[in-house]
Amino acid sequence: MSEHKRPAWAIAIHGGAGALGRAEMTPEKEARYRAALDSALQIGENVLRNGGSALDAVTQTVQWLEDCPLFNAGRGAVFTHEGRNELDASIMEGRTQMAGAVGGVTIVKNPILLARAVMEKSPHVMLTGRGAEQFALENGIDTVSPAWFYTEERWNTLQKMLEEEKSKTGSLTRNPDYKFGTVGCVALDQSGNLAAGTSTGGMTNKRWNRLGDTPVIGAGTYADNNVCAVSCTGHGEYFIRYAVAHDVWALMAYKGLSLQEATELVVNKKLVEKGGEGGLIAVDKNGNIALPFNSEGMYRGFATPEERKVDIYK
């Protein structure tokens, strides 16, 4: 999007990069994804239009995406090697730069709500595993049976990968749908506050309680009222190594790059050179929006009072 006078509010969402290849995407499936992105965007828009906070817009939008089985977060999360769902999420608000994150939770219905509780009700930034679940129970965050997260499609994907592993023909990188799926939202509210949130089920077939970039502040999520808010999606290991979300912020804060320039440089030059696949969504303090990605597709959408769009491929 081009640079312009600051809109009253702005929002962008993603449902993961490394979207289904065009070959696998049926018109019916594409219509379902577009409708889901549209619904999610509407939730955040309504909050912002009515003068609500960026933090609430981000929380409610990500929560809806977690409940939608089409995306790899919450219900519909991918399975680990052992056939479990381990969920990660983080949230950050730009006014105070407070942040909260959770990793490897298995019974929390909406990890984004738990991440926000960590930010608001604990002295910490990141809680993981059983401790994070204990904190959820103590703070009245909805918990569910692990069966809540099950979807047949994700289960079948794991079985296929395990078969491929046995026959030594498979690798983690063969099908991007195995690899990347995250949901996220960034928003600017009418008071000029920014916020960012991200949630994921991680990688299909992941082992050893692996955590990706989603719960890592500065890698998968970052927000600062003076500069921008960022939520990432892609091959998490690369996003952690190169502190992608923070890198966008730093290029703007220290080098004076525009949002467009900074996000392009990070996603389509730096990450590409390092072999990292994925994308991000970002909004700056002036309401400019960027949604760059270097994979075949990225489920995404954005809205301002003047403009609105959802898309999947380039």
Protein backbone atom coordinates (compact mmCIF):
# COMPACT_ATOMS: atom_id res chain seq x y z
CA MET A 1 0.00 0.00 0.00
CA SER A 2 1.19 3.50 -0.74
CA GLU A 3 2.11 6.04 1.93
CA HIS A 4 -0.76 8.43 2.69
CA LYS A 5 -2.28 10.65 5.37
CA ARG A 6 -2.91 8.74 8.56
CA PRO A 7 -6.27 6.90 8.60
CA ALA A 8 -8.38 6.91 11.80
CA TRP A 9 -7.48 3.25 12.30
CA ALA A 10 -5.84 0.37 10.44
CA ILE A 11 -5.71 -3.40 10.75
CA ALA A 12 -4.00 -6.32 8.99
CA ILE A 13 -4.34 -10.07 9.51
CA HIS A 14 -2.64 -13.24 8.32
CA GLY A 15 -3.57 -16.90 8.43
CA GLY A 16 -0.12 -18.23 7.61
CA ALA A 17 2.43 -18.13 4.81
CA GLY A 18 3.32 -21.13 2.71
CA ALA A 19 -0.38 -21.31 1.90
CA LEU A 20 -1.64 -24.26 -0.12
CA GLY A 21 -0.01 -24.40 -3.53
CA ARG A 22 -2.32 -23.30 -6.33
CA ALA A 23 -2.35 -26.88 -7.58
CA GLU A 24 -3.92 -28.12 -4.32
CA MET A 25 -6.28 -25.17 -3.90
CA THR A 26 -9.78 -25.93 -5.15
CA PRO A 27 -12.21 -23.06 -5.83
CA GLU A 28 -14.37 -24.32 -2.91
CA LYS A 29 -11.41 -24.33 -0.54
CA GLU A 30 -10.31 -20.89 -1.66
CA ALA A 31 -13.83 -19.53 -1.11
CA ARG A 32 -13.82 -20.98 2.43
CA TYR A 33 -10.48 -19.37 3.26
CA ARG A 34 -11.49 -16.01 1.83
CA ALA A 35 -14.75 -16.06 3.79
CA ALA A 36 -12.87 -16.92 7.00
CA LEU A 37 -10.35 -14.10 6.48
CA ASP A 38 -13.23 -11.74 5.76
CA SER A 39 -15.00 -12.71 9.02
CA ALA A 40 -11.82 -12.34 11.08
CA LEU A 41 -11.07 -8.93 9.60
CA GLN A 42 -14.61 -7.77 10.32
CA ILE A 43 -14.18 -8.50 14.03
CA GLY A 44 -11.12 -6.30 14.37
CA GLU A 45 -12.59 -3.59 12.16
CA ASN A 46 -15.69 -3.35 14.32
CA VAL A 47 -13.60 -2.89 17.48
CA LEU A 48 -11.50 -0.14 15.88
CA ARG A 49 -14.36 1.62 14.13
CA ASN A 50 -16.20 1.91 17.45
CA GLY A 51 -13.19 3.48 19.15
CA GLY A 52 -11.94 0.28 20.80
CA SER A 53 -8.27 -0.39 21.52
CA ALA A 54 -5.76 -1.94 19.14
CA LEU A 55 -5.07 -4.51 21.88
CA ASP A 56 -8.72 -5.61 21.96
CA ALA A 57 -8.94 -5.67 18.17
CA VAL A 58 -5.87 -7.91 17.96
CA THR A 59 -7.00 -10.18 20.80
CA GLN A 60 -10.51 -10.73 19.46
CA THR A 61 -9.38 -11.23 15.86
CA VAL A 62 -6.71 -13.79 16.77
CA GLN A 63 -9.15 -15.54 19.10
CA TRP A 64 -11.60 -15.96 16.21
CA LEU A 65 -8.82 -17.31 13.97
CA GLU A 66 -7.81 -19.78 16.71
CA ASP A 67 -11.38 -21.10 16.79
CA CYS A 68 -11.51 -21.50 12.99
CA PRO A 69 -10.37 -25.04 12.03
CA LEU A 70 -8.99 -23.86 8.66
CA PHE A 71 -5.89 -22.37 10.29
CA ASN A 72 -2.94 -23.86 12.17
CA ALA A 73 -3.72 -22.31 15.56
CA GLY A 74 -6.08 -23.37 18.32
CA ARG A 75 -8.69 -25.71 16.86
CA GLY A 76 -7.14 -26.97 13.63
CA ALA A 77 -3.58 -26.87 14.97
CA VAL A 78 -1.13 -29.36 13.47
CA PHE A 79 0.02 -32.46 15.33
CA THR A 80 3.40 -33.18 16.88
CA HIS A 81 5.35 -36.37 16.20
CA GLU A 82 3.61 -37.95 19.20
CA GLY A 83 0.16 -36.96 17.92
CA ARG A 84 -0.45 -34.06 20.29
CA ASN A 85 -1.29 -30.40 19.71
CA GLU A 86 1.17 -27.97 21.31
CA LEU A 87 0.13 -24.34 20.99
CA ASP A 88 2.12 -21.10 21.14
CA ALA A 89 1.03 -17.45 21.16
CA SER A 90 2.25 -13.96 21.96
CA ILE A 91 0.89 -10.44 22.19
CA MET A 92 2.52 -7.02 22.57
CA GLU A 93 1.13 -3.55 22.95
CA GLY A 94 2.96 -0.54 21.63
CA ARG A 95 2.20 2.11 24.25
CA THR A 96 4.11 0.54 27.16
CA GLN A 97 5.76 -2.26 25.15
CA MET A 98 4.40 -4.77 27.62
CA ALA A 99 4.26 -8.28 26.17
CA GLY A 100 3.03 -11.76 27.04
CA ALA A 101 3.77 -15.14 25.48
CA VAL A 102 3.00 -18.82 26.01
CA GLY A 103 4.53 -21.93 24.51
CA GLY A 104 3.67 -25.61 24.32
CA VAL A 105 0.22 -25.45 25.91
CA THR A 106 -2.12 -28.37 25.27
CA ILE A 107 -5.40 -27.61 27.08
CA VAL A 108 -5.84 -23.86 26.67
CA LYS A 109 -8.72 -23.13 24.29
CA ASN A 110 -7.39 -19.72 23.18
CA PRO A 111 -3.65 -19.29 23.72
CA ILE A 112 -3.87 -15.61 22.75
CA LEU A 113 -6.07 -14.97 25.81
CA LEU A 114 -3.50 -16.69 27.99
CA ALA A 115 -0.67 -14.66 26.43
CA ARG A 116 -2.60 -11.49 27.23
CA ALA A 117 -3.18 -12.66 30.82
CA VAL A 118 0.57 -13.29 31.19
CA MET A 119 1.17 -9.73 30.00
CA GLU A 120 -1.47 -8.15 32.26
CA LYS A 121 -1.54 -10.36 35.35
CA SER A 122 2.00 -11.66 35.82
CA PRO A 123 5.43 -10.06 36.23
CA HIS A 124 6.69 -12.26 33.38
CA VAL A 125 6.76 -12.23 29.57
CA MET A 126 6.87 -15.93 28.65
CA LEU A 127 5.39 -19.02 30.32
CA THR A 128 5.54 -22.52 28.83
CA GLY A 129 4.10 -25.99 29.19
CA ARG A 130 2.53 -27.12 32.46
CA GLY A 131 3.37 -23.90 34.27
CA ALA A 132 1.55 -21.87 31.64
CA GLU A 133 -1.45 -24.21 31.95
CA GLN A 134 -1.37 -23.83 35.75
CA PHE A 135 -1.40 -20.06 35.29
CA ALA A 136 -4.39 -20.41 32.94
CA LEU A 137 -6.33 -22.42 35.54
CA GLU A 138 -5.51 -19.92 38.29
CA ASN A 139 -6.66 -17.01 36.15
CA GLY A 140 -9.90 -18.48 34.85
CA ILE A 141 -8.75 -18.86 31.24
CA ASP A 142 -10.91 -21.43 29.39
CA THR A 143 -9.38 -24.91 29.22
CA VAL A 144 -10.61 -27.82 27.08
CA SER A 145 -9.88 -31.48 26.49
CA PRO A 146 -7.00 -31.85 23.99
CA ALA A 147 -9.58 -33.51 21.70
CA TRP A 148 -11.05 -30.03 21.06
CA PHE A 149 -8.09 -29.20 18.77
CA TYR A 150 -8.41 -32.33 16.61
CA THR A 151 -9.24 -32.01 12.91
CA GLU A 152 -9.15 -34.95 10.56
CA GLU A 153 -7.20 -33.08 7.91
CA ARG A 154 -4.32 -32.24 10.26
CA TRP A 155 -4.29 -35.78 11.66
CA ASN A 156 -4.07 -37.23 8.14
CA THR A 157 -1.23 -34.87 7.29
CA LEU A 158 0.75 -36.20 10.26
CA GLN A 159 0.07 -39.84 9.29
CA LYS A 160 1.29 -39.12 5.78
CA MET A 161 4.46 -37.52 7.10
CA LEU A 162 5.14 -40.44 9.45
CA GLU A 163 4.73 -42.83 6.52
CA GLU A 164 7.11 -40.77 4.41
CA GLU A 165 9.60 -40.75 7.27
CA LYS A 166 9.47 -44.54 7.49
CA SER A 167 10.18 -44.89 3.80
CA LYS A 168 12.86 -42.18 4.09
CA THR A 169 11.36 -40.25 1.18
CA GLY A 170 9.91 -37.42 3.21
CA SER A 171 11.47 -34.31 4.62
CA LEU A 172 10.10 -31.40 6.62
CA THR A 173 10.51 -29.09 3.66
CA ARG A 174 8.63 -30.96 0.96
CA ASN A 175 5.19 -29.55 1.42
CA PRO A 176 4.90 -26.01 2.72
CA ASP A 177 1.51 -26.82 4.20
CA TYR A 178 3.33 -29.17 6.62
CA LYS A 179 5.49 -26.35 7.70
CA PHE A 180 3.95 -22.95 8.01
CA GLY A 181 0.73 -21.94 9.52
CA THR A 182 0.27 -19.22 12.01
CA VAL A 183 -2.39 -16.61 12.55
CA GLY A 184 -1.72 -13.02 13.44
CA CYS A 185 -3.08 -9.51 13.62
CA VAL A 186 -1.63 -5.99 13.86
CA ALA A 187 -3.68 -2.88 14.53
CA LEU A 188 -3.57 0.88 14.98
CA ASP A 189 -6.46 2.38 16.96
CA GLN A 190 -8.00 5.86 16.96
CA SER A 191 -5.86 6.89 19.95
CA GLY A 192 -2.69 6.09 18.00
CA ASN A 193 -1.91 2.90 19.92
CA LEU A 194 -0.39 -0.10 18.13
CA ALA A 195 -0.61 -3.78 19.03
CA ALA A 196 0.44 -7.12 17.54
CA GLY A 197 -0.53 -10.72 18.30
CA THR A 198 0.40 -14.11 16.84
CA SER A 199 -0.75 -17.70 17.51
CA THR A 200 0.21 -21.11 16.09
CA GLY A 201 0.18 -24.87 16.40
CA GLY A 202 3.78 -24.92 15.13
CA MET A 203 5.14 -27.48 12.67
CA THR A 204 3.55 -30.76 11.75
CA ASN A 205 5.61 -33.64 13.21
CA LYS A 206 7.61 -31.34 15.52
CA ARG A 207 9.44 -33.05 18.39
CA TRP A 208 11.07 -32.38 21.74
CA ASN A 209 8.67 -29.53 22.66
CA ARG A 210 10.06 -27.42 19.83
CA LEU A 211 9.09 -23.74 19.92
CA GLY A 212 9.14 -21.54 16.84
CA ASP A 213 9.19 -17.77 16.50
CA THR A 214 5.55 -17.17 17.45
CA PRO A 215 6.07 -16.93 21.24
CA VAL A 216 9.42 -15.15 20.90
CA ILE A 217 9.01 -11.39 21.29
CA GLY A 218 11.14 -9.67 18.64
CA ALA A 219 11.10 -12.72 16.37
CA GLY A 220 7.41 -13.39 15.66
CA THR A 221 5.75 -10.39 17.30
CA TYR A 222 6.74 -6.80 18.07
CA ALA A 223 4.99 -3.47 18.70
CA ASP A 224 6.07 0.07 19.54
CA ASN A 225 3.75 3.10 19.27
CA ASN A 226 6.63 5.25 18.00
CA VAL A 227 7.34 2.99 15.03
CA CYS A 228 5.28 -0.06 14.04
CA ALA A 229 3.58 -3.35 14.95
CA VAL A 230 4.62 -6.65 13.30
CA SER A 231 3.34 -10.26 13.24
CA CYS A 232 5.29 -12.94 11.38
CA THR A 233 4.57 -16.31 9.77
CA GLY A 234 6.94 -18.78 8.21
CA HIS A 235 9.82 -21.12 8.98
CA GLY A 236 10.22 -20.11 12.63
CA GLU A 237 13.86 -21.05 13.09
CA TYR A 238 14.90 -18.39 10.56
CA PHE A 239 12.62 -15.78 12.10
CA ILE A 240 14.21 -16.42 15.51
CA ARG A 241 17.80 -16.33 14.21
CA TYR A 242 17.30 -13.04 12.41
CA ALA A 243 14.92 -11.43 14.97
CA VAL A 244 12.65 -10.60 12.04
CA ALA A 245 9.92 -8.56 13.75
CA HIS A 246 12.47 -6.50 15.68
CA ASP A 247 14.63 -6.11 12.57
CA VAL A 248 11.78 -4.36 10.75
CA TRP A 249 11.40 -2.05 13.77
CA ALA A 250 15.15 -1.37 13.92
CA LEU A 251 15.46 -0.50 10.23
CA MET A 252 12.69 2.05 10.68
CA ALA A 253 13.80 3.39 14.06
CA TYR A 254 17.54 3.62 13.41
CA LYS A 255 17.85 3.97 9.64
CA GLY A 256 14.68 5.91 8.95
CA LEU A 257 13.37 3.42 6.39
CA SER A 258 9.67 3.50 5.55
CA LEU A 259 7.48 0.52 6.51
CA GLN A 260 7.44 -0.59 2.85
CA GLU A 261 11.24 -0.39 2.54
CA ALA A 262 11.97 -2.11 5.85
CA THR A 263 9.56 -5.03 5.35
CA GLU A 264 10.66 -5.60 1.74
CA LEU A 265 14.32 -5.60 2.75
CA VAL A 266 13.76 -8.09 5.58
CA VAL A 267 11.36 -10.51 3.85
CA ASN A 268 12.42 -10.40 0.21
CA LYS A 269 16.13 -9.78 0.56
CA LYS A 270 17.57 -10.77 3.97
CA LEU A 271 15.35 -13.83 4.55
CA VAL A 272 15.62 -14.98 0.93
CA GLU A 273 19.43 -14.78 1.09
CA LYS A 274 19.42 -16.89 4.26
CA GLY A 275 16.96 -19.45 2.85
CA GLY A 276 14.08 -18.47 5.15
CA GLU A 277 10.58 -18.77 3.76
CA GLY A 278 7.56 -16.86 5.03
CA GLY A 279 6.10 -13.41 5.40
CA LEU A 280 4.74 -10.84 7.82
CA ILE A 281 2.09 -8.20 8.31
CA ALA A 282 2.89 -4.78 9.71
CA VAL A 283 1.29 -1.42 10.35
CA ASP A 284 3.21 1.74 11.24
CA LYS A 285 2.26 4.66 13.48
CA ASN A 286 0.85 6.51 10.45
CA GLY A 287 -1.44 3.66 9.45
CA ASN A 288 0.63 2.45 6.50
CA ILE A 289 0.25 -1.30 5.99
CA ALA A 290 2.69 -3.86 4.56
CA LEU A 291 2.06 -7.57 3.84
CA PRO A 292 5.20 -8.93 2.13
CA PHE A 293 5.89 -12.67 1.72
CA ASN A 294 8.39 -14.79 -0.22
CA SER A 295 6.39 -18.05 -0.25
CA GLU A 296 3.85 -19.02 -2.89
CA GLY A 297 1.02 -17.59 -0.84
CA MET A 298 0.03 -16.02 2.45
CA TYR A 299 -3.52 -15.89 3.76
CA ARG A 300 -3.94 -12.19 4.48
CA GLY A 301 -6.18 -9.17 4.65
CA PHE A 302 -6.17 -5.53 5.67
CA ALA A 303 -8.62 -2.72 6.27
CA THR A 304 -8.70 1.03 6.91
CA PRO A 305 -11.76 3.30 6.78
CA GLU A 306 -10.95 3.87 3.09
CA GLU A 307 -9.83 0.48 1.84
CA ARG A 308 -10.31 -3.25 2.47
CA LYS A 309 -8.97 -6.45 0.90
CA VAL A 310 -8.40 -10.18 1.53
CA ASP A 311 -6.04 -12.27 -0.58
CA ILE A 312 -4.08 -15.52 -0.74
CA TYR A 313 -1.63 -15.54 -3.62
CA LYS A 314 0.64 -12.87 -5.08
